[in-house]
Amino acid sequence: MKTEQKVKSRSLGVSAGLIILACAIIAFLFFFLVCGADGNFDDKGHPIKGNVFGLLWQGGYVIPIVITLLLTVLSLSVERYFALNRASGKSKNTNFVVKVKQRLDANDIEGASKLCDEQKGSVANIVNAGLVRYRDVEGIPEASNSEKAELIQHEIDEATTLELPYLEKNLNIIAAISTLGTLMGLFGTVLGMIRSFQAMGNEGAPDSSALAVGISEALLNTALGIATGALAIIFYTYFSGRIQTMTNAVDEIGFAIGQAFVKNHGGLTK
């Protein structure tokens, strides 16, 4: 129950929807007020050479959408970085696992519980739930030691299930943007190419200015979309790896707790 309450309280806070909305507002204000400022263009309305803002404006109205996705990836990645740092605890999980296993081998359950209190974080919460169950099952005389070990493992599995939503929060959005960012970039590319072909299809000489704008729009959207998708993939892979490392640590300690119980209580018999 305590573990569930901790998870519920940590799940509260700024929602991903509000973050996306804030990023969209910033992106569109940046596009229209900064990129669309008159100082970015010459007398003919063309972007001043080397002016990045003017080039982004020339990319068309898909650009602020892609920028929204880019800002969302960066914002959620920063949020996940600090959240997973808190979830990891004060010291490295590998060191924590070694210390807890040493306490378990010495049948020092209280010492292992104190390590969890000092470590804090999701892994420590899950291990502590297993240790609490360890002490509880010792008072069940009608169950065999193997059944008691299963009860301990079940408690650890339940605690892991409660912690995982906190660890994986917003990762599904980052994963979606890894594809959506590239698709939006390609959408802007298609619009730019349509504009280019329209310029080439005019009677007489092609409109070179419109042709250049269309090609610029296509290339800018492609570049920004691919960059957004690539960043999303990198961050998603990094955070997924960290979560997997913590999950592996939980599995290792969970197995060690079960083994320690059987060892310290005379094998698998009653």
C-alpha atoms as a PDB file:
ATOM      1  CA  MET A   1       0.000   0.000   0.000  1.00  0.00           C
ATOM      2  CA  LYS A   2       2.832   2.416   0.852  1.00  0.00           C
ATOM      3  CA  THR A   3       4.535   1.668  -2.439  1.00  0.00           C
ATOM      4  CA  GLU A   4       1.305   2.309  -4.341  1.00  0.00           C
ATOM      5  CA  GLN A   5       0.789   5.638  -2.565  1.00  0.00           C
ATOM      6  CA  LYS A   6       4.360   6.720  -3.382  1.00  0.00           C
ATOM      7  CA  VAL A   7       3.908   5.888  -7.040  1.00  0.00           C
ATOM      8  CA  LYS A   8       0.585   7.702  -7.222  1.00  0.00           C
ATOM      9  CA  SER A   9       1.992  10.832  -5.620  1.00  0.00           C
ATOM     10  CA  ARG A  10       5.013  10.870  -7.922  1.00  0.00           C
ATOM     11  CA  SER A  11       2.817  10.475 -10.992  1.00  0.00           C
ATOM     12  CA  LEU A  12       1.209  13.854 -10.287  1.00  0.00           C
ATOM     13  CA  GLY A  13       2.662  17.010 -11.805  1.00  0.00           C
ATOM     14  CA  VAL A  14       2.789  18.754 -15.140  1.00  0.00           C
ATOM     15  CA  SER A  15       1.169  16.582 -17.777  1.00  0.00           C
ATOM     16  CA  ALA A  16       2.684  15.845 -21.173  1.00  0.00           C
ATOM     17  CA  GLY A  17      -0.308  17.585 -22.775  1.00  0.00           C
ATOM     18  CA  LEU A  18       0.556  20.883 -21.104  1.00  0.00           C
ATOM     19  CA  ILE A  19       4.198  20.512 -22.108  1.00  0.00           C
ATOM     20  CA  ILE A  20       3.208  19.918 -25.747  1.00  0.00           C
ATOM     21  CA  LEU A  21       0.834  22.919 -25.656  1.00  0.00           C
ATOM     22  CA  ALA A  22       3.544  25.168 -24.198  1.00  0.00           C
ATOM     23  CA  CYS A  23       6.040  23.977 -26.831  1.00  0.00           C
ATOM     24  CA  ALA A  24       3.505  24.651 -29.593  1.00  0.00           C
ATOM     25  CA  ILE A  25       2.893  28.201 -28.354  1.00  0.00           C
ATOM     26  CA  ILE A  26       6.628  28.881 -28.147  1.00  0.00           C
ATOM     27  CA  ALA A  27       7.243  27.374 -31.599  1.00  0.00           C
ATOM     28  CA  PHE A  28       4.529  29.381 -33.355  1.00  0.00           C
ATOM     29  CA  LEU A  29       5.466  32.624 -31.600  1.00  0.00           C
ATOM     30  CA  PHE A  30       9.088  32.022 -32.580  1.00  0.00           C
ATOM     31  CA  PHE A  31       8.101  31.310 -36.178  1.00  0.00           C
ATOM     32  CA  PHE A  32       5.822  34.301 -36.716  1.00  0.00           C
ATOM     33  CA  LEU A  33       7.490  36.915 -34.502  1.00  0.00           C
ATOM     34  CA  VAL A  34      11.172  36.008 -34.846  1.00  0.00           C
ATOM     35  CA  CYS A  35      11.509  34.170 -38.148  1.00  0.00           C
ATOM     36  CA  GLY A  36       8.934  36.363 -39.861  1.00  0.00           C
ATOM     37  CA  ALA A  37      10.454  39.664 -38.709  1.00  0.00           C
ATOM     38  CA  ASP A  38      11.112  42.182 -41.505  1.00  0.00           C
ATOM     39  CA  GLY A  39      14.781  42.468 -40.564  1.00  0.00           C
ATOM     40  CA  ASN A  40      15.407  38.939 -41.833  1.00  0.00           C
ATOM     41  CA  PHE A  41      14.592  39.807 -45.462  1.00  0.00           C
ATOM     42  CA  ASP A  42      15.871  42.136 -48.165  1.00  0.00           C
ATOM     43  CA  ASP A  43      13.820  44.600 -50.208  1.00  0.00           C
ATOM     44  CA  LYS A  44      12.625  41.825 -52.538  1.00  0.00           C
ATOM     45  CA  GLY A  45      11.370  39.677 -49.641  1.00  0.00           C
ATOM     46  CA  HIS A  46      14.177  37.150 -49.910  1.00  0.00           C
ATOM     47  CA  PRO A  47      16.011  35.966 -46.772  1.00  0.00           C
ATOM     48  CA  ILE A  48      19.234  37.848 -46.151  1.00  0.00           C
ATOM     49  CA  LYS A  49      22.239  35.695 -46.968  1.00  0.00           C
ATOM     50  CA  GLY A  50      23.263  33.675 -43.933  1.00  0.00           C
ATOM     51  CA  ASN A  51      20.133  34.602 -41.954  1.00  0.00           C
ATOM     52  CA  VAL A  52      18.882  31.369 -40.378  1.00  0.00           C
ATOM     53  CA  PHE A  53      15.575  32.842 -39.213  1.00  0.00           C
ATOM     54  CA  GLY A  54      14.701  33.996 -42.698  1.00  0.00           C
ATOM     55  CA  LEU A  55      15.500  30.547 -44.073  1.00  0.00           C
ATOM     56  CA  LEU A  56      13.231  28.924 -41.494  1.00  0.00           C
ATOM     57  CA  TRP A  57      10.425  31.300 -42.474  1.00  0.00           C
ATOM     58  CA  GLN A  58      10.924  30.277 -46.066  1.00  0.00           C
ATOM     59  CA  GLY A  59      10.405  26.663 -45.003  1.00  0.00           C
ATOM     60  CA  GLY A  60       6.654  27.212 -44.738  1.00  0.00           C
ATOM     61  CA  TYR A  61       4.000  26.584 -42.122  1.00  0.00           C
ATOM     62  CA  VAL A  62       5.039  22.993 -41.432  1.00  0.00           C
ATOM     63  CA  ILE A  63       8.234  24.322 -39.826  1.00  0.00           C
ATOM     64  CA  PRO A  64       6.568  25.487 -36.548  1.00  0.00           C
ATOM     65  CA  ILE A  65       4.881  22.086 -36.246  1.00  0.00           C
ATOM     66  CA  VAL A  66       8.238  20.325 -36.553  1.00  0.00           C
ATOM     67  CA  ILE A  67       9.776  22.809 -34.109  1.00  0.00           C
ATOM     68  CA  THR A  68       6.954  21.963 -31.692  1.00  0.00           C
ATOM     69  CA  LEU A  69       7.887  18.287 -31.923  1.00  0.00           C
ATOM     70  CA  LEU A  70      11.577  19.123 -31.470  1.00  0.00           C
ATOM     71  CA  LEU A  71      10.926  21.240 -28.359  1.00  0.00           C
ATOM     72  CA  THR A  72       8.652  18.520 -26.992  1.00  0.00           C
ATOM     73  CA  VAL A  73      11.380  15.898 -27.355  1.00  0.00           C
ATOM     74  CA  LEU A  74      13.914  18.144 -25.627  1.00  0.00           C
ATOM     75  CA  SER A  75      11.514  19.091 -22.808  1.00  0.00           C
ATOM     76  CA  LEU A  76      10.348  15.551 -22.099  1.00  0.00           C
ATOM     77  CA  SER A  77      13.921  14.260 -22.294  1.00  0.00           C
ATOM     78  CA  VAL A  78      15.069  16.761 -19.657  1.00  0.00           C
ATOM     79  CA  GLU A  79      12.109  15.760 -17.472  1.00  0.00           C
ATOM     80  CA  ARG A  80      12.912  12.045 -17.880  1.00  0.00           C
ATOM     81  CA  TYR A  81      16.609  12.614 -17.170  1.00  0.00           C
ATOM     82  CA  PHE A  82      15.960  14.141 -13.752  1.00  0.00           C
ATOM     83  CA  ALA A  83      13.115  11.703 -13.001  1.00  0.00           C
ATOM     84  CA  LEU A  84      15.293   8.658 -13.704  1.00  0.00           C
ATOM     85  CA  ASN A  85      18.132  10.167 -11.692  1.00  0.00           C
ATOM     86  CA  ARG A  86      15.765  10.359  -8.722  1.00  0.00           C
ATOM     87  CA  ALA A  87      14.482   6.847  -9.419  1.00  0.00           C
ATOM     88  CA  SER A  88      18.020   5.431  -9.549  1.00  0.00           C
ATOM     89  CA  GLY A  89      18.728   6.516  -5.995  1.00  0.00           C
ATOM     90  CA  LYS A  90      21.757   8.059  -4.364  1.00  0.00           C
ATOM     91  CA  SER A  91      24.395   5.572  -5.517  1.00  0.00           C
ATOM     92  CA  LYS A  92      24.885   3.333  -8.535  1.00  0.00           C
ATOM     93  CA  ASN A  93      22.458   0.439  -8.700  1.00  0.00           C
ATOM     94  CA  THR A  94      25.304  -2.032  -9.271  1.00  0.00           C
ATOM     95  CA  ASN A  95      26.904  -1.030  -5.952  1.00  0.00           C
ATOM     96  CA  PHE A  96      23.529  -1.135  -4.232  1.00  0.00           C
ATOM     97  CA  VAL A  97      22.850  -4.644  -5.549  1.00  0.00           C
ATOM     98  CA  VAL A  98      26.206  -5.927  -4.272  1.00  0.00           C
ATOM     99  CA  LYS A  99      25.684  -4.440  -0.800  1.00  0.00           C
ATOM    100  CA  VAL A 100      22.144  -5.802  -0.470  1.00  0.00           C
ATOM    101  CA  LYS A 101      23.230  -9.291  -1.555  1.00  0.00           C
ATOM    102  CA  GLN A 102      25.998  -9.197   1.039  1.00  0.00           C
ATOM    103  CA  ARG A 103      23.458  -8.381   3.758  1.00  0.00           C
ATOM    104  CA  LEU A 104      21.159 -11.137   2.533  1.00  0.00           C
ATOM    105  CA  ASP A 105      23.965 -13.696   2.555  1.00  0.00           C
ATOM    106  CA  ALA A 106      24.646 -12.728   6.185  1.00  0.00           C
ATOM    107  CA  ASN A 107      20.900 -13.014   6.972  1.00  0.00           C
ATOM    108  CA  ASP A 108      20.942  -9.335   7.956  1.00  0.00           C
ATOM    109  CA  ILE A 109      17.478  -8.341   6.749  1.00  0.00           C
ATOM    110  CA  GLU A 110      17.382  -5.216   8.910  1.00  0.00           C
ATOM    111  CA  GLY A 111      20.713  -4.112   7.450  1.00  0.00           C
ATOM    112  CA  ALA A 112      19.401  -4.659   3.919  1.00  0.00           C
ATOM    113  CA  SER A 113      16.295  -2.618   4.772  1.00  0.00           C
ATOM    114  CA  LYS A 114      18.455   0.227   6.085  1.00  0.00           C
ATOM    115  CA  LEU A 115      20.402   0.203   2.824  1.00  0.00           C
ATOM    116  CA  CYS A 116      17.104   0.665   0.980  1.00  0.00           C
ATOM    117  CA  ASP A 117      16.189   3.617   3.208  1.00  0.00           C
ATOM    118  CA  GLU A 118      19.563   5.216   2.500  1.00  0.00           C
ATOM    119  CA  GLN A 119      19.524   4.478  -1.236  1.00  0.00           C
ATOM    120  CA  LYS A 120      15.986   5.711  -1.964  1.00  0.00           C
ATOM    121  CA  GLY A 121      14.616   5.576  -5.510  1.00  0.00           C
ATOM    122  CA  SER A 122      12.495   3.034  -7.379  1.00  0.00           C
ATOM    123  CA  VAL A 123      14.873   0.080  -7.099  1.00  0.00           C
ATOM    124  CA  ALA A 124      15.197   0.597  -3.343  1.00  0.00           C
ATOM    125  CA  ASN A 125      11.396   0.899  -2.993  1.00  0.00           C
ATOM    126  CA  ILE A 126      10.865  -2.404  -4.791  1.00  0.00           C
ATOM    127  CA  VAL A 127      13.556  -4.220  -2.804  1.00  0.00           C
ATOM    128  CA  ASN A 128      12.201  -2.814   0.450  1.00  0.00           C
ATOM    129  CA  ALA A 129       8.724  -4.114  -0.426  1.00  0.00           C
ATOM    130  CA  GLY A 130      10.243  -7.561  -0.887  1.00  0.00           C
ATOM    131  CA  LEU A 131      12.063  -7.337   2.457  1.00  0.00           C
ATOM    132  CA  VAL A 132       8.879  -6.324   4.248  1.00  0.00           C
ATOM    133  CA  ARG A 133       7.166  -9.354   2.723  1.00  0.00           C
ATOM    134  CA  TYR A 134      10.177 -11.458   3.752  1.00  0.00           C
ATOM    135  CA  ARG A 135       9.494 -10.656   7.406  1.00  0.00           C
ATOM    136  CA  ASP A 136       5.735 -11.163   6.999  1.00  0.00           C
ATOM    137  CA  VAL A 137       5.925 -14.669   5.506  1.00  0.00           C
ATOM    138  CA  GLU A 138       8.117 -15.879   8.348  1.00  0.00           C
ATOM    139  CA  GLY A 139       4.964 -15.844  10.475  1.00  0.00           C
ATOM    140  CA  ILE A 140       2.973 -18.133   8.154  1.00  0.00           C
ATOM    141  CA  PRO A 141       3.505 -21.640   9.616  1.00  0.00           C
ATOM    142  CA  GLU A 142       1.202 -23.503   7.232  1.00  0.00           C
ATOM    143  CA  ALA A 143       3.179 -22.615   4.078  1.00  0.00           C
ATOM    144  CA  SER A 144       6.360 -24.314   2.876  1.00  0.00           C
ATOM    145  CA  ASN A 145       9.534 -22.317   2.380  1.00  0.00           C
ATOM    146  CA  SER A 146       9.225 -22.590  -1.383  1.00  0.00           C
ATOM    147  CA  GLU A 147       5.679 -21.159  -1.196  1.00  0.00           C
ATOM    148  CA  LYS A 148       6.914 -18.355   1.048  1.00  0.00           C
ATOM    149  CA  ALA A 149       9.685 -17.579  -1.447  1.00  0.00           C
ATOM    150  CA  GLU A 150       7.032 -17.376  -4.183  1.00  0.00           C
ATOM    151  CA  LEU A 151       5.014 -14.937  -2.059  1.00  0.00           C
ATOM    152  CA  ILE A 152       8.096 -12.740  -1.688  1.00  0.00           C
ATOM    153  CA  GLN A 153       8.721 -12.824  -5.441  1.00  0.00           C
ATOM    154  CA  HIS A 154       5.060 -12.007  -6.090  1.00  0.00           C
ATOM    155  CA  GLU A 155       5.337  -8.957  -3.846  1.00  0.00           C
ATOM    156  CA  ILE A 156       8.442  -7.800  -5.715  1.00  0.00           C
ATOM    157  CA  ASP A 157       6.659  -8.275  -9.048  1.00  0.00           C
ATOM    158  CA  GLU A 158       3.696  -6.208  -7.818  1.00  0.00           C
ATOM    159  CA  ALA A 159       5.981  -3.432  -6.573  1.00  0.00           C
ATOM    160  CA  THR A 160       7.792  -3.445  -9.933  1.00  0.00           C
ATOM    161  CA  THR A 161       4.459  -3.159 -11.743  1.00  0.00           C
ATOM    162  CA  LEU A 162       3.595  -0.112  -9.632  1.00  0.00           C
ATOM    163  CA  GLU A 163       6.954   1.570 -10.246  1.00  0.00           C
ATOM    164  CA  LEU A 164       7.217   0.962 -14.007  1.00  0.00           C
ATOM    165  CA  PRO A 165       4.563   3.530 -15.046  1.00  0.00           C
ATOM    166  CA  TYR A 166       6.588   6.214 -13.264  1.00  0.00           C
ATOM    167  CA  LEU A 167       9.816   5.102 -14.906  1.00  0.00           C
ATOM    168  CA  GLU A 168       8.300   4.856 -18.401  1.00  0.00           C
ATOM    169  CA  LYS A 169       6.188   8.011 -18.187  1.00  0.00           C
ATOM    170  CA  ASN A 170       6.273  10.084 -21.425  1.00  0.00           C
ATOM    171  CA  LEU A 171       8.577   7.620 -23.179  1.00  0.00           C
ATOM    172  CA  ASN A 172       5.728   6.588 -25.474  1.00  0.00           C
ATOM    173  CA  ILE A 173       5.420  10.202 -26.632  1.00  0.00           C
ATOM    174  CA  ILE A 174       9.143  10.412 -27.385  1.00  0.00           C
ATOM    175  CA  ALA A 175       8.858   7.134 -29.295  1.00  0.00           C
ATOM    176  CA  ALA A 176       5.905   8.477 -31.308  1.00  0.00           C
ATOM    177  CA  ILE A 177       7.773  11.673 -32.189  1.00  0.00           C
ATOM    178  CA  SER A 178      10.709   9.601 -33.481  1.00  0.00           C
ATOM    179  CA  THR A 179       8.391   8.633 -36.339  1.00  0.00           C
ATOM    180  CA  LEU A 180       6.083  11.636 -36.419  1.00  0.00           C
ATOM    181  CA  GLY A 181       8.934  14.147 -36.675  1.00  0.00           C
ATOM    182  CA  THR A 182      10.297  12.463 -39.784  1.00  0.00           C
ATOM    183  CA  LEU A 183       6.823  12.161 -41.313  1.00  0.00           C
ATOM    184  CA  MET A 184       6.046  15.843 -40.729  1.00  0.00           C
ATOM    185  CA  GLY A 185       9.368  16.738 -42.315  1.00  0.00           C
ATOM    186  CA  LEU A 186       8.479  14.633 -45.347  1.00  0.00           C
ATOM    187  CA  PHE A 187       5.052  16.281 -45.456  1.00  0.00           C
ATOM    188  CA  GLY A 188       6.718  19.694 -45.614  1.00  0.00           C
ATOM    189  CA  THR A 189       9.063  18.330 -48.271  1.00  0.00           C
ATOM    190  CA  VAL A 190       6.135  17.232 -50.421  1.00  0.00           C
ATOM    191  CA  LEU A 191       4.496  20.651 -50.100  1.00  0.00           C
ATOM    192  CA  GLY A 192       7.758  22.328 -51.119  1.00  0.00           C
ATOM    193  CA  MET A 193       8.159  20.061 -54.130  1.00  0.00           C
ATOM    194  CA  ILE A 194       4.566  20.781 -55.187  1.00  0.00           C
ATOM    195  CA  ARG A 195       5.363  24.472 -55.105  1.00  0.00           C
ATOM    196  CA  SER A 196       8.519  23.866 -57.135  1.00  0.00           C
ATOM    197  CA  PHE A 197       6.671  21.888 -59.817  1.00  0.00           C
ATOM    198  CA  GLN A 198       3.983  24.567 -59.996  1.00  0.00           C
ATOM    199  CA  ALA A 199       6.689  27.139 -60.680  1.00  0.00           C
ATOM    200  CA  MET A 200       8.180  24.922 -63.386  1.00  0.00           C
ATOM    201  CA  GLY A 201       4.755  24.337 -64.922  1.00  0.00           C
ATOM    202  CA  ASN A 202       4.040  28.007 -65.635  1.00  0.00           C
ATOM    203  CA  GLU A 203       3.847  29.019 -69.259  1.00  0.00           C
ATOM    204  CA  GLY A 204       7.051  30.486 -70.606  1.00  0.00           C
ATOM    205  CA  ALA A 205      10.147  30.668 -68.444  1.00  0.00           C
ATOM    206  CA  PRO A 206       9.842  29.031 -65.010  1.00  0.00           C
ATOM    207  CA  ASP A 207       9.453  31.396 -62.056  1.00  0.00           C
ATOM    208  CA  SER A 208      12.969  31.075 -60.629  1.00  0.00           C
ATOM    209  CA  SER A 209      12.026  32.817 -57.382  1.00  0.00           C
ATOM    210  CA  ALA A 210       9.083  30.506 -56.695  1.00  0.00           C
ATOM    211  CA  LEU A 211      11.197  27.517 -57.726  1.00  0.00           C
ATOM    212  CA  ALA A 212      13.915  28.477 -55.233  1.00  0.00           C
ATOM    213  CA  VAL A 213      11.367  28.991 -52.457  1.00  0.00           C
ATOM    214  CA  GLY A 214       9.820  25.582 -53.113  1.00  0.00           C
ATOM    215  CA  ILE A 215      13.167  23.796 -53.079  1.00  0.00           C
ATOM    216  CA  SER A 216      14.219  25.620 -49.899  1.00  0.00           C
ATOM    217  CA  GLU A 217      10.949  24.683 -48.241  1.00  0.00           C
ATOM    218  CA  ALA A 218      11.435  21.037 -49.195  1.00  0.00           C
ATOM    219  CA  LEU A 219      15.033  20.808 -47.987  1.00  0.00           C
ATOM    220  CA  LEU A 220      14.496  22.713 -44.730  1.00  0.00           C
ATOM    221  CA  ASN A 221      11.559  20.552 -43.751  1.00  0.00           C
ATOM    222  CA  THR A 222      13.498  17.403 -44.596  1.00  0.00           C
ATOM    223  CA  ALA A 223      16.512  18.447 -42.519  1.00  0.00           C
ATOM    224  CA  LEU A 224      14.521  19.586 -39.492  1.00  0.00           C
ATOM    225  CA  GLY A 225      12.217  16.552 -39.577  1.00  0.00           C
ATOM    226  CA  ILE A 226      15.081  14.066 -39.781  1.00  0.00           C
ATOM    227  CA  ALA A 227      16.954  15.870 -36.990  1.00  0.00           C
ATOM    228  CA  THR A 228      13.862  15.748 -34.758  1.00  0.00           C
ATOM    229  CA  GLY A 229      13.269  12.053 -35.435  1.00  0.00           C
ATOM    230  CA  ALA A 230      16.936  11.202 -34.865  1.00  0.00           C
ATOM    231  CA  LEU A 231      17.048  13.024 -31.517  1.00  0.00           C
ATOM    232  CA  ALA A 232      13.862  11.282 -30.394  1.00  0.00           C
ATOM    233  CA  ILE A 233      15.342   7.873 -31.249  1.00  0.00           C
ATOM    234  CA  ILE A 234      18.581   8.667 -29.402  1.00  0.00           C
ATOM    235  CA  PHE A 235      16.797   9.843 -26.239  1.00  0.00           C
ATOM    236  CA  TYR A 236      14.290   6.973 -26.307  1.00  0.00           C
ATOM    237  CA  THR A 237      17.077   4.406 -26.647  1.00  0.00           C
ATOM    238  CA  TYR A 238      19.068   6.009 -23.830  1.00  0.00           C
ATOM    239  CA  PHE A 239      16.171   6.154 -21.368  1.00  0.00           C
ATOM    240  CA  SER A 240      14.943   2.663 -22.279  1.00  0.00           C
ATOM    241  CA  GLY A 241      18.426   1.349 -21.578  1.00  0.00           C
ATOM    242  CA  ARG A 242      18.505   3.005 -18.155  1.00  0.00           C
ATOM    243  CA  ILE A 243      15.099   1.552 -17.265  1.00  0.00           C
ATOM    244  CA  GLN A 244      16.213  -1.901 -18.414  1.00  0.00           C
ATOM    245  CA  THR A 245      19.314  -1.613 -16.216  1.00  0.00           C
ATOM    246  CA  MET A 246      17.157  -0.814 -13.189  1.00  0.00           C
ATOM    247  CA  THR A 247      14.779  -3.659 -14.030  1.00  0.00           C
ATOM    248  CA  ASN A 248      17.712  -6.079 -14.261  1.00  0.00           C
ATOM    249  CA  ALA A 249      18.919  -4.915 -10.857  1.00  0.00           C
ATOM    250  CA  VAL A 250      15.463  -5.576  -9.389  1.00  0.00           C
ATOM    251  CA  ASP A 251      15.358  -9.061 -10.932  1.00  0.00           C
ATOM    252  CA  GLU A 252      18.789  -9.880  -9.557  1.00  0.00           C
ATOM    253  CA  ILE A 253      17.958  -8.744  -6.026  1.00  0.00           C
ATOM    254  CA  GLY A 254      14.515 -10.357  -6.159  1.00  0.00           C
ATOM    255  CA  PHE A 255      16.071 -13.702  -6.982  1.00  0.00           C
ATOM    256  CA  ALA A 256      18.668 -13.180  -4.253  1.00  0.00           C
ATOM    257  CA  ILE A 257      15.960 -12.470  -1.657  1.00  0.00           C
ATOM    258  CA  GLY A 258      14.114 -15.671  -2.535  1.00  0.00           C
ATOM    259  CA  GLN A 259      17.309 -17.701  -2.450  1.00  0.00           C
ATOM    260  CA  ALA A 260      18.325 -16.138   0.851  1.00  0.00           C
ATOM    261  CA  PHE A 261      14.985 -17.016   2.419  1.00  0.00           C
ATOM    262  CA  VAL A 262      15.224 -20.660   1.352  1.00  0.00           C
ATOM    263  CA  LYS A 263      18.867 -20.854   2.473  1.00  0.00           C
ATOM    264  CA  ASN A 264      18.241 -19.244   5.853  1.00  0.00           C
ATOM    265  CA  HIS A 265      15.171 -21.324   6.609  1.00  0.00           C
ATOM    266  CA  GLY A 266      16.478 -24.791   5.926  1.00  0.00           C
ATOM    267  CA  GLY A 267      15.736 -25.539   2.259  1.00  0.00           C
ATOM    268  CA  LEU A 268      12.445 -26.062   0.454  1.00  0.00           C
ATOM    269  CA  THR A 269      10.622 -28.058   3.141  1.00  0.00           C
ATOM    270  CA  LYS A 270       8.361 -26.766   5.852  1.00  0.00           C
END
